[in-house]
Protein backbone atom coordinates (compact mmCIF):
# COMPACT_ATOMS: atom_id res chain seq x y z
CA MET A 1 -1.15 31.67 16.89
CA ASN A 2 -1.95 27.96 17.09
CA VAL A 3 -2.36 25.35 14.31
CA THR A 4 -4.23 22.11 15.01
CA CYS A 5 -3.68 19.10 12.74
CA GLY A 6 -6.62 16.79 13.38
CA ARG A 7 -7.60 13.38 12.07
CA ASP A 8 -9.93 14.88 9.47
CA PHE A 9 -9.43 18.64 9.71
CA ILE A 10 -6.87 21.46 9.92
CA SER A 11 -7.57 24.65 11.89
CA ILE A 12 -5.74 27.86 12.76
CA LEU A 13 -6.40 30.15 15.75
CA VAL A 14 -4.95 33.72 15.74
CA ASP A 15 -5.20 36.36 18.47
CA GLU A 16 -7.60 39.15 17.50
CA GLU A 17 -5.04 41.74 18.63
CA PHE A 18 -2.79 40.74 15.75
CA PHE A 19 -5.45 41.72 13.20
CA LYS A 20 -6.40 44.88 15.10
CA TYR A 21 -2.82 46.06 14.72
CA TYR A 22 -3.33 45.95 10.95
CA ASN A 23 -6.86 47.39 11.17
CA VAL A 24 -8.42 44.14 9.85
CA GLY A 25 -11.87 42.91 10.93
CA VAL A 26 -13.00 39.31 11.03
CA GLU A 27 -15.27 39.84 8.03
CA ALA A 28 -12.18 40.46 5.86
CA VAL A 29 -10.25 37.30 6.87
CA HIS A 30 -10.47 34.12 4.74
CA LEU A 31 -8.49 31.45 2.90
CA VAL A 32 -7.53 31.59 -0.79
CA ASN A 33 -11.14 30.74 -1.57
CA ALA A 34 -12.96 33.69 -0.02
CA SER A 35 -15.97 31.51 0.83
CA CYS A 36 -13.86 29.74 3.46
CA ARG A 37 -13.99 32.54 6.04
CA ALA A 38 -12.80 33.11 9.59
CA HIS A 39 -15.10 33.54 12.58
CA ARG A 40 -14.52 35.19 15.94
CA GLU A 41 -14.65 33.27 19.19
CA GLU A 42 -13.69 33.86 22.80
CA ILE A 43 -11.57 31.45 24.82
CA SER A 44 -10.91 32.10 28.52
CA GLY A 45 -11.79 35.76 28.10
CA SER A 46 -9.57 36.36 25.05
CA ALA A 47 -10.82 36.92 21.49
CA TYR A 48 -9.47 34.94 18.51
CA PHE A 49 -10.08 34.52 14.78
CA ARG A 50 -10.45 30.86 13.78
CA VAL A 51 -10.63 29.05 10.42
CA HIS A 52 -11.63 25.37 10.54
CA THR A 53 -11.00 23.37 7.32
CA PRO A 54 -12.31 19.77 6.98
CA MET A 55 -10.00 17.55 4.91
CA ASP A 56 -12.70 16.99 2.28
CA GLN A 57 -12.74 20.80 1.68
CA TYR A 58 -8.95 21.22 1.64
CA THR A 59 -8.63 21.59 -2.14
CA ALA A 60 -11.84 23.61 -2.54
CA CYS A 61 -10.67 26.17 0.06
CA GLY A 62 -7.43 26.74 -1.86
CA GLY A 63 -5.09 24.24 -0.27
CA LYS A 64 -1.77 23.92 -2.09
CA PRO A 65 -0.82 20.67 -3.91
CA LEU A 66 0.45 18.08 -1.46
CA GLU A 67 4.20 18.00 -0.89
CA LYS A 68 5.65 14.50 -0.46
CA ASN A 69 9.03 13.03 0.32
CA ILE A 70 9.92 9.46 1.22
CA THR A 71 8.58 9.77 4.77
CA HIS A 72 6.04 12.62 5.09
CA ILE A 73 3.09 14.40 3.45
CA THR A 74 2.64 18.18 3.90
CA TYR A 75 -0.67 20.06 3.69
CA SER A 76 -0.39 23.87 3.21
CA LEU A 77 -3.07 26.55 3.56
CA THR A 78 -2.90 30.37 3.40
CA LEU A 79 -4.90 32.73 5.62
CA MET A 80 -5.26 36.23 4.14
CA SER A 81 -7.17 39.45 4.57
CA ASP A 82 -8.83 42.04 2.34
CA PRO A 83 -7.41 45.49 3.23
CA PRO A 84 -9.92 48.33 3.81
CA VAL A 85 -10.57 50.39 0.68
CA TYR A 86 -10.88 54.17 0.96
CA GLY A 87 -12.49 55.40 -2.22
CA ASN A 88 -10.03 54.31 -4.86
CA ILE A 89 -7.03 53.76 -2.59
CA VAL A 90 -5.72 51.35 0.07
CA ARG A 91 -3.55 52.56 2.96
CA ASP A 92 -3.32 49.47 5.17
CA PRO A 93 -1.29 46.33 4.35
CA TYR A 94 -3.03 43.00 3.91
CA VAL A 95 -2.20 40.02 6.11
CA GLN A 96 -1.03 36.68 4.69
CA ILE A 97 -0.26 33.72 6.95
CA GLU A 98 0.84 30.34 5.54
CA TYR A 99 0.41 27.35 7.84
CA LYS A 100 1.15 23.66 7.38
CA CYS A 101 0.38 20.22 8.79
CA ILE A 102 2.82 17.35 8.31
CA TYR A 103 1.76 13.69 8.47
CA PRO A 104 4.14 10.72 8.41
CA TYR A 105 3.27 7.91 5.99
CA ILE A 106 6.14 5.43 6.09
CA ARG A 107 7.05 3.44 9.16
CA ARG A 108 8.41 0.04 10.19
CA LEU A 109 6.80 -2.17 12.78
CA SER A 110 7.56 -5.63 14.09
CA LEU A 111 5.48 -8.51 15.39
CA ALA A 112 7.17 -10.93 17.79
CA PHE A 113 5.87 -14.44 18.41
CA PRO A 114 5.34 -17.09 19.66
CA ILE A 115 7.18 -16.44 22.92
CA ILE A 116 6.64 -12.70 23.34
CA SER A 117 3.80 -10.24 22.81
CA PHE A 118 1.42 -11.17 20.04
CA SER A 119 1.23 -7.63 18.63
CA SER A 120 3.27 -4.49 18.38
CA GLU A 121 2.81 -0.91 17.37
CA ARG A 122 4.94 2.12 16.77
CA ILE A 123 3.64 5.65 17.26
CA PHE A 124 4.97 8.76 15.53
CA LYS A 125 4.06 12.23 16.75
CA VAL A 126 4.15 15.08 14.25
CA ASP A 127 2.84 18.45 15.44
CA GLU A 128 -0.35 17.40 17.24
CA VAL A 129 -1.14 14.25 15.23
CA ASP A 130 -0.76 10.73 16.62
CA ALA A 131 -0.31 8.33 13.68
CA LYS A 132 -0.69 4.71 14.75
CA VAL A 133 -0.42 1.41 12.88
CA GLU A 134 -1.05 -1.93 14.60
CA MET A 135 -0.25 -5.54 13.66
CA ASN A 136 -2.11 -8.49 15.24
CA LEU A 137 -2.53 -12.25 14.92
CA PHE A 138 -6.03 -13.75 14.63
CA LYS A 139 -7.30 -17.24 15.34
CA ASP A 140 -9.00 -17.91 11.99
CA HIS A 141 -9.93 -16.42 8.61
CA THR A 142 -12.89 -14.45 10.04
CA TYR A 143 -10.49 -12.05 11.81
CA THR A 144 -12.95 -11.65 14.66
CA GLU A 145 -10.89 -12.93 17.60
CA ALA A 146 -7.27 -11.91 18.08
CA PHE A 147 -4.77 -13.84 20.18
CA THR A 148 -4.38 -12.25 23.62
CA SER A 149 -1.39 -14.37 24.63
CA PRO A 150 1.50 -15.94 22.71
CA PRO A 151 -0.03 -18.83 20.73
CA THR A 152 1.42 -22.27 20.05
CA ILE A 153 1.01 -22.93 16.32
CA LYS A 154 1.32 -26.32 14.64
CA LEU A 155 3.49 -26.66 11.55
CA GLY A 156 1.35 -26.36 8.42
CA ASP A 157 -1.48 -24.49 10.19
CA GLN A 158 -2.41 -21.12 8.74
CA ILE A 159 -1.32 -17.91 10.45
CA TYR A 160 -3.67 -14.93 10.00
CA VAL A 161 -2.06 -11.46 10.19
CA GLN A 162 -3.83 -8.10 10.20
CA ILE A 163 -2.11 -4.72 9.80
CA GLN A 164 -4.33 -1.69 10.32
CA VAL A 165 -4.14 2.11 10.50
CA THR A 166 -5.97 2.92 13.73
CA GLU A 167 -5.23 6.65 13.95
CA PRO A 168 -6.13 8.69 11.94
CA GLU A 169 -8.85 6.12 11.20
CA ASP A 170 -9.95 5.77 7.54
CA PHE A 171 -7.75 8.73 6.57
CA PHE A 172 -4.96 6.79 4.84
CA HIS A 173 -4.88 3.66 2.71
CA LEU A 174 -2.30 1.09 3.76
CA LYS A 175 0.16 -0.75 1.53
CA VAL A 176 2.38 -3.46 3.00
CA ASN A 177 5.69 -3.43 1.11
CA GLU A 178 7.67 -6.25 2.74
CA CYS A 179 7.18 -8.83 5.48
CA TRP A 180 9.88 -11.24 6.64
CA ALA A 181 10.73 -13.56 9.51
CA THR A 182 13.98 -13.61 11.49
CA GLN A 183 15.37 -15.73 14.30
CA THR A 184 16.00 -12.68 16.49
CA PRO A 185 13.85 -9.66 17.43
CA GLN A 186 16.04 -7.31 15.39
CA ALA A 187 14.51 -6.78 11.94
CA ASN A 188 17.88 -6.22 10.21
CA ASP A 189 19.85 -8.91 12.05
CA LYS A 190 21.93 -10.90 9.54
CA SER A 191 23.41 -13.35 12.07
CA GLY A 192 20.66 -15.94 11.66
CA PHE A 193 18.28 -17.24 9.01
CA SER A 194 15.50 -15.14 7.50
CA HIS A 195 12.53 -15.91 5.27
CA THR A 196 10.66 -13.41 3.04
CA LEU A 197 6.87 -13.68 2.94
CA LEU A 198 6.04 -10.46 1.03
CA ALA A 199 8.27 -8.48 -1.33
CA ASN A 200 7.35 -5.31 -3.24
CA GLY A 201 3.79 -5.66 -1.99
CA CYS A 202 3.35 -9.17 -3.47
CA ALA A 203 3.47 -12.71 -2.10
CA ASN A 204 6.99 -14.15 -2.07
CA ASP A 205 6.00 -17.41 -0.35
CA LYS A 206 3.80 -19.96 -2.15
CA THR A 207 1.49 -20.30 0.87
CA THR A 208 0.99 -16.54 1.33
CA SER A 209 -2.24 -14.85 0.19
CA PHE A 210 -4.05 -11.58 0.86
CA GLY A 211 -7.65 -10.99 2.00
CA ASN A 212 -9.82 -12.75 4.51
CA GLY A 213 -10.23 -16.07 2.73
CA THR A 214 -13.37 -15.05 0.82
CA PRO A 215 -13.95 -13.51 -2.65
CA HIS A 216 -14.73 -10.17 -0.94
CA PRO A 217 -11.89 -7.62 -1.43
CA ALA A 218 -11.64 -6.84 2.31
CA GLY A 219 -8.05 -6.89 3.46
CA ARG A 220 -6.40 -6.62 0.03
CA ASN A 221 -3.10 -4.78 -0.15
CA GLY A 222 -3.42 -1.04 -0.86
CA VAL A 223 -7.23 -1.00 -1.11
CA GLY A 224 -8.16 0.33 2.35
CA SER A 225 -6.79 1.12 5.80
CA THR A 226 -6.63 -2.59 6.73
CA VAL A 227 -4.46 -5.29 5.11
CA ARG A 228 -4.89 -8.99 5.90
CA TYR A 229 -2.71 -11.88 4.79
CA SER A 230 -2.10 -15.47 5.80
CA PHE A 231 0.63 -18.08 5.38
CA ASP A 232 1.37 -21.62 6.53
CA MET A 233 3.32 -22.05 9.77
CA PHE A 234 6.96 -23.09 9.35
CA ARG A 235 10.16 -23.24 11.37
CA PHE A 236 13.82 -22.70 10.58
CA VAL A 237 15.96 -25.81 10.14
CA HIS A 238 18.37 -24.79 12.92
CA GLU A 239 17.73 -23.49 16.43
CA PRO A 240 16.04 -21.31 17.42
CA HIS A 241 12.97 -22.71 15.65
CA SER A 242 10.75 -19.80 16.76
CA PHE A 243 10.81 -16.65 14.66
CA TYR A 244 9.89 -12.97 14.73
CA LEU A 245 7.72 -11.30 12.10
CA HIS A 246 8.51 -7.83 10.70
CA CYS A 247 6.79 -5.68 8.07
CA THR A 248 7.45 -2.40 6.29
CA VAL A 249 4.29 -0.47 5.43
CA HIS A 250 3.46 2.61 3.36
CA LEU A 251 0.59 5.02 3.98
CA CYS A 252 -1.13 6.37 0.86
CA THR A 253 -3.43 9.36 0.49
CA LEU A 254 -6.76 9.02 -1.26
CA GLU A 255 -5.23 10.94 -4.18
CA ASP A 256 -2.73 8.11 -4.76
CA GLY A 257 -5.58 5.86 -5.95
CA GLN A 258 -4.48 2.85 -8.02
CA SER A 259 -0.80 3.67 -7.56
CA CYS A 260 -1.14 2.42 -3.97
CA ILE A 261 -2.15 -1.08 -5.15
CA PRO A 262 0.84 -3.32 -6.02
CA GLU A 263 0.94 -4.97 -9.45
CA CYS A 264 1.56 -8.65 -8.81
CA LYS A 265 2.20 -10.90 -11.82
CA THR A 266 0.55 -14.33 -11.91
CA ILE A 267 0.59 -17.17 -14.48
CA SER A 268 -2.89 -17.81 -15.84
CA LYS A 269 -4.27 -21.31 -16.14
CA ARG A 270 -5.23 -20.61 -19.78
CA ALA A 271 -1.58 -19.95 -20.69
CA VAL A 272 -0.52 -23.23 -19.08
CA VAL A 273 -3.23 -25.17 -20.96
CA VAL A 274 -2.26 -23.58 -24.29
CA ASP A 275 1.40 -24.50 -23.72
CA GLU A 276 0.47 -28.10 -22.91
CA GLN A 277 -1.73 -28.34 -26.02
CA ALA A 278 1.10 -26.97 -28.16
CA GLN A 279 3.47 -29.60 -26.78
CA ASP A 280 0.91 -32.40 -27.43
CA LEU A 281 0.37 -31.16 -30.99
CA LEU A 282 4.11 -31.10 -31.63
CA THR A 283 4.40 -34.66 -30.31
CA LEU A 284 1.68 -35.82 -32.73
CA VAL A 285 2.92 -33.92 -35.77
CA LEU A 286 6.54 -35.05 -35.67
CA PRO A 287 5.87 -38.85 -35.99
CA LEU A 288 3.40 -38.21 -38.84
CA GLY A 289 6.07 -36.31 -40.79
CA VAL A 290 8.53 -39.17 -40.27
CA ILE A 291 5.97 -41.67 -41.66
CA TRP A 292 5.45 -39.61 -44.84
CA THR A 293 9.23 -39.31 -45.34
CA LEU A 294 9.72 -43.09 -45.01
CA GLY A 295 6.84 -43.75 -47.44
CA ILE A 296 8.28 -41.48 -50.14
CA PHE A 297 11.74 -43.04 -49.67
CA LEU A 298 10.28 -46.56 -50.16
CA LEU A 299 8.45 -45.50 -53.35
CA ILE A 300 11.74 -44.17 -54.79
CA LEU A 301 13.51 -47.47 -53.99
CA ILE A 302 10.73 -49.50 -55.64
CA SER A 303 10.85 -47.32 -58.81
CA ILE A 304 14.64 -47.73 -59.08
CA ALA A 305 14.33 -51.52 -58.64
CA LYS A 306 11.67 -51.80 -61.39
CA ALA A 307 13.75 -49.74 -63.82
CA GLY A 308 16.75 -52.01 -63.20
CA ILE A 309 14.66 -55.16 -63.91
CA ARG A 310 13.39 -53.70 -67.22
CA ARG A 311 16.94 -52.88 -68.43
CA HIS A 312 18.11 -56.38 -67.49
CA MET A 313 15.25 -58.04 -69.49
CA THR A 314 15.90 -55.83 -72.53
CA ASN A 315 19.63 -56.68 -72.59
CA THR A 316 18.76 -60.37 -72.35
């Protein structure tokens, strides 16, 4: 028995002799949805029953709900048989085989520059699946030409970073959770300075922004299998001035949908304008109220003075 976990499919291959032992023919073997049936094929002179399930038919063929933990996603299918019926009775048992494919979806990768390799990747092997995520530096906002050697970057110039799922291609969406710079290659080294560029999937540095520099959504965080962001070059105040870039990423399934896209709060220009107008209005209203108060006070003083003059004339 062999299970293959492909980029966009899952298949199972079972020796025909296994089913013969239970008196089961290929026409009686299928998944939970009986329309997803097995077929017989010969490999190197031996006969097998195979069921090939594309990922886009996983649910329709009776795939179980996805199981997730903090690091992996599990796909589960069940191969079963219809036992032969003799009149109104069944004498042979039916076969039921559950098989699974496990894909990793959280990993950490680091980018080291400017004095060592311009890109890095980390590969995880689960069953027969190679899951690969790459991080690269590009020369400008078009993201068409990557650096092939450690670049020298001027302070204030923009740095263009791309993080991409390369295998399985277009199978997962990518969300970048955190990115930070350290003075040493170790991502968790606390001995030197560090600077956070992205936190909780959102910009934590005023010069950091997602996308490719155009209104098009390409490269936004959590939208597709590629994330692009840029920030202005800086250096630490103390030696070493060079730094190493690290990111933590999260792979999402298509079922995750909007939950894969971070919610980043921003202050709207309209709110700022309204606040400024309110302050201006308050500045204008307060002096006007003071003027009215002074005017009423003067009228009272004048009335008291006139009354005093009248009493004085009457007594005279």
